[in-house]
Amino acid sequence: MPPPQKTILFCPLDWGLGHIARDLPLIREFIRNGHRVVVAASISLCKWVESEEPGIETVFFDGPEIHYSGKQGAFSEILFQLPKLMRWPGKEKKRIRELTDMFILT
């Protein structure tokens, strides 16, 4: 097999399996076309994609944890989590930079 054409980093949201399940056909197509695919996700999503596509490269990438207890309205629950959520983009940008550096050099 020729060397990979590109390294493609998938970072699906961990709000259930919907995001990664919709990404799976794309992931498979990129692999079929000789690209290197790395999935950066929560442990549960990494395990799921590894079960669906054995041998795929995965790396842990935690996301913001958003909690809904159902006891209060969703709006008020999200409102109290806003400070944490507003800090998340900076953390995410730093982690993506680390991942791209790691996978570009390997």
C-alpha atoms as a PDB file:
ATOM      1  CA  MET A   1       0.000   0.000   0.000  1.00  0.00           C
ATOM      2  CA  PRO A   2       1.440   3.432  -0.860  1.00  0.00           C
ATOM      3  CA  PRO A   3       2.108   5.890   1.964  1.00  0.00           C
ATOM      4  CA  PRO A   4      -0.931   7.839   3.181  1.00  0.00           C
ATOM      5  CA  GLN A   5      -1.803  10.874   1.101  1.00  0.00           C
ATOM      6  CA  LYS A   6      -2.988  12.984   4.043  1.00  0.00           C
ATOM      7  CA  THR A   7      -3.578  12.673   7.760  1.00  0.00           C
ATOM      8  CA  ILE A   8      -7.189  13.459   8.603  1.00  0.00           C
ATOM      9  CA  LEU A   9      -8.159  14.206  12.182  1.00  0.00           C
ATOM     10  CA  PHE A  10     -11.778  13.581  13.199  1.00  0.00           C
ATOM     11  CA  CYS A  11     -12.899  15.113  16.501  1.00  0.00           C
ATOM     12  CA  PRO A  12     -16.577  14.169  16.889  1.00  0.00           C
ATOM     13  CA  LEU A  13     -18.733  15.580  19.652  1.00  0.00           C
ATOM     14  CA  ASP A  14     -19.566  13.155  22.417  1.00  0.00           C
ATOM     15  CA  TRP A  15     -23.280  13.762  22.656  1.00  0.00           C
ATOM     16  CA  GLY A  16     -24.142  10.144  21.966  1.00  0.00           C
ATOM     17  CA  LEU A  17     -23.156   8.076  18.948  1.00  0.00           C
ATOM     18  CA  GLY A  18     -24.858  10.269  16.358  1.00  0.00           C
ATOM     19  CA  HIS A  19     -21.855  12.367  15.363  1.00  0.00           C
ATOM     20  CA  ILE A  20     -19.356   9.523  15.088  1.00  0.00           C
ATOM     21  CA  ALA A  21     -21.903   7.236  13.400  1.00  0.00           C
ATOM     22  CA  ARG A  22     -22.471   9.839  10.688  1.00  0.00           C
ATOM     23  CA  ASP A  23     -18.696  10.299  10.357  1.00  0.00           C
ATOM     24  CA  LEU A  24     -18.025   6.578   9.906  1.00  0.00           C
ATOM     25  CA  PRO A  25     -18.810   6.442   6.153  1.00  0.00           C
ATOM     26  CA  LEU A  26     -16.461   9.399   5.609  1.00  0.00           C
ATOM     27  CA  ILE A  27     -13.760   7.774   7.724  1.00  0.00           C
ATOM     28  CA  ARG A  28     -14.050   4.545   5.740  1.00  0.00           C
ATOM     29  CA  GLU A  29     -13.904   6.396   2.427  1.00  0.00           C
ATOM     30  CA  PHE A  30     -10.789   8.311   3.454  1.00  0.00           C
ATOM     31  CA  ILE A  31      -9.121   5.056   4.546  1.00  0.00           C
ATOM     32  CA  ARG A  32     -10.166   3.351   1.305  1.00  0.00           C
ATOM     33  CA  ASN A  33      -8.505   6.196  -0.605  1.00  0.00           C
ATOM     34  CA  GLY A  34      -5.214   5.671   1.231  1.00  0.00           C
ATOM     35  CA  HIS A  35      -5.424   8.466   3.780  1.00  0.00           C
ATOM     36  CA  ARG A  36      -4.363   8.126   7.397  1.00  0.00           C
ATOM     37  CA  VAL A  37      -7.359   8.745   9.683  1.00  0.00           C
ATOM     38  CA  VAL A  38      -7.049   9.547  13.374  1.00  0.00           C
ATOM     39  CA  VAL A  39     -10.134   9.832  15.573  1.00  0.00           C
ATOM     40  CA  ALA A  40      -9.690  12.060  18.626  1.00  0.00           C
ATOM     41  CA  ALA A  41     -12.608  11.581  20.974  1.00  0.00           C
ATOM     42  CA  SER A  42     -13.819  10.453  24.368  1.00  0.00           C
ATOM     43  CA  ILE A  43     -12.854   6.978  25.506  1.00  0.00           C
ATOM     44  CA  SER A  44     -16.346   5.614  24.822  1.00  0.00           C
ATOM     45  CA  LEU A  45     -16.380   6.971  21.247  1.00  0.00           C
ATOM     46  CA  CYS A  46     -12.857   5.698  20.603  1.00  0.00           C
ATOM     47  CA  LYS A  47     -13.899   2.225  21.745  1.00  0.00           C
ATOM     48  CA  TRP A  48     -16.987   2.329  19.532  1.00  0.00           C
ATOM     49  CA  VAL A  49     -15.136   3.416  16.394  1.00  0.00           C
ATOM     50  CA  GLU A  50     -12.414   0.809  17.076  1.00  0.00           C
ATOM     51  CA  SER A  51     -15.124  -1.873  17.208  1.00  0.00           C
ATOM     52  CA  GLU A  52     -16.567  -0.647  13.897  1.00  0.00           C
ATOM     53  CA  GLU A  53     -13.228  -0.063  12.143  1.00  0.00           C
ATOM     54  CA  PRO A  54     -10.564  -2.333  13.713  1.00  0.00           C
ATOM     55  CA  GLY A  55      -7.049  -0.970  13.500  1.00  0.00           C
ATOM     56  CA  ILE A  56      -8.071   2.688  13.255  1.00  0.00           C
ATOM     57  CA  GLU A  57      -5.886   5.135  15.151  1.00  0.00           C
ATOM     58  CA  THR A  58      -7.589   6.803  18.091  1.00  0.00           C
ATOM     59  CA  VAL A  59      -6.453   9.254  20.721  1.00  0.00           C
ATOM     60  CA  PHE A  60      -8.225  10.555  23.804  1.00  0.00           C
ATOM     61  CA  PHE A  61      -9.705  14.039  23.431  1.00  0.00           C
ATOM     62  CA  ASP A  62     -12.085  15.013  26.185  1.00  0.00           C
ATOM     63  CA  GLY A  63     -14.847  17.465  25.519  1.00  0.00           C
ATOM     64  CA  PRO A  64     -16.865  19.773  27.706  1.00  0.00           C
ATOM     65  CA  GLU A  65     -19.174  17.911  30.015  1.00  0.00           C
ATOM     66  CA  ILE A  66     -22.678  19.282  29.809  1.00  0.00           C
ATOM     67  CA  HIS A  67     -25.081  17.927  32.391  1.00  0.00           C
ATOM     68  CA  TYR A  68     -28.865  17.878  32.295  1.00  0.00           C
ATOM     69  CA  SER A  69     -30.529  16.645  35.446  1.00  0.00           C
ATOM     70  CA  GLY A  70     -34.067  17.190  34.247  1.00  0.00           C
ATOM     71  CA  LYS A  71     -34.944  18.768  37.590  1.00  0.00           C
ATOM     72  CA  GLN A  72     -34.570  22.331  36.301  1.00  0.00           C
ATOM     73  CA  GLY A  73     -35.274  23.713  32.881  1.00  0.00           C
ATOM     74  CA  ALA A  74     -32.581  23.103  30.282  1.00  0.00           C
ATOM     75  CA  PHE A  75     -32.015  26.839  29.885  1.00  0.00           C
ATOM     76  CA  SER A  76     -31.169  27.397  33.553  1.00  0.00           C
ATOM     77  CA  GLU A  77     -28.949  24.310  33.655  1.00  0.00           C
ATOM     78  CA  ILE A  78     -26.959  25.530  30.670  1.00  0.00           C
ATOM     79  CA  LEU A  79     -26.850  29.058  32.087  1.00  0.00           C
ATOM     80  CA  PHE A  80     -25.024  27.826  35.206  1.00  0.00           C
ATOM     81  CA  GLN A  81     -22.528  25.946  33.017  1.00  0.00           C
ATOM     82  CA  LEU A  82     -21.755  28.957  30.793  1.00  0.00           C
ATOM     83  CA  PRO A  83     -18.525  30.015  32.545  1.00  0.00           C
ATOM     84  CA  LYS A  84     -17.056  26.553  31.996  1.00  0.00           C
ATOM     85  CA  LEU A  85     -18.357  26.390  28.421  1.00  0.00           C
ATOM     86  CA  MET A  86     -16.945  29.811  27.583  1.00  0.00           C
ATOM     87  CA  ARG A  87     -13.451  28.668  28.602  1.00  0.00           C
ATOM     88  CA  TRP A  88     -13.706  25.526  26.503  1.00  0.00           C
ATOM     89  CA  PRO A  89     -12.813  26.958  23.023  1.00  0.00           C
ATOM     90  CA  GLY A  90      -9.386  28.065  24.242  1.00  0.00           C
ATOM     91  CA  LYS A  91      -8.686  24.645  25.761  1.00  0.00           C
ATOM     92  CA  GLU A  92      -9.965  22.949  22.621  1.00  0.00           C
ATOM     93  CA  LYS A  93      -7.768  25.075  20.357  1.00  0.00           C
ATOM     94  CA  LYS A  94      -4.701  24.251  22.462  1.00  0.00           C
ATOM     95  CA  ARG A  95      -5.484  20.501  22.393  1.00  0.00           C
ATOM     96  CA  ILE A  96      -6.063  20.502  18.619  1.00  0.00           C
ATOM     97  CA  ARG A  97      -2.733  22.282  18.146  1.00  0.00           C
ATOM     98  CA  GLU A  98      -1.056  19.565  20.253  1.00  0.00           C
ATOM     99  CA  LEU A  99      -2.737  16.820  18.226  1.00  0.00           C
ATOM    100  CA  THR A 100      -1.866  18.311  14.854  1.00  0.00           C
ATOM    101  CA  ASP A 101       1.749  18.769  15.953  1.00  0.00           C
ATOM    102  CA  MET A 102       1.847  15.180  17.171  1.00  0.00           C
ATOM    103  CA  PHE A 103       0.370  13.657  14.021  1.00  0.00           C
ATOM    104  CA  ILE A 104       2.100  15.880  11.490  1.00  0.00           C
ATOM    105  CA  LEU A 105       5.482  14.860  12.905  1.00  0.00           C
ATOM    106  CA  THR A 106       4.720  11.120  12.987  1.00  0.00           C
END
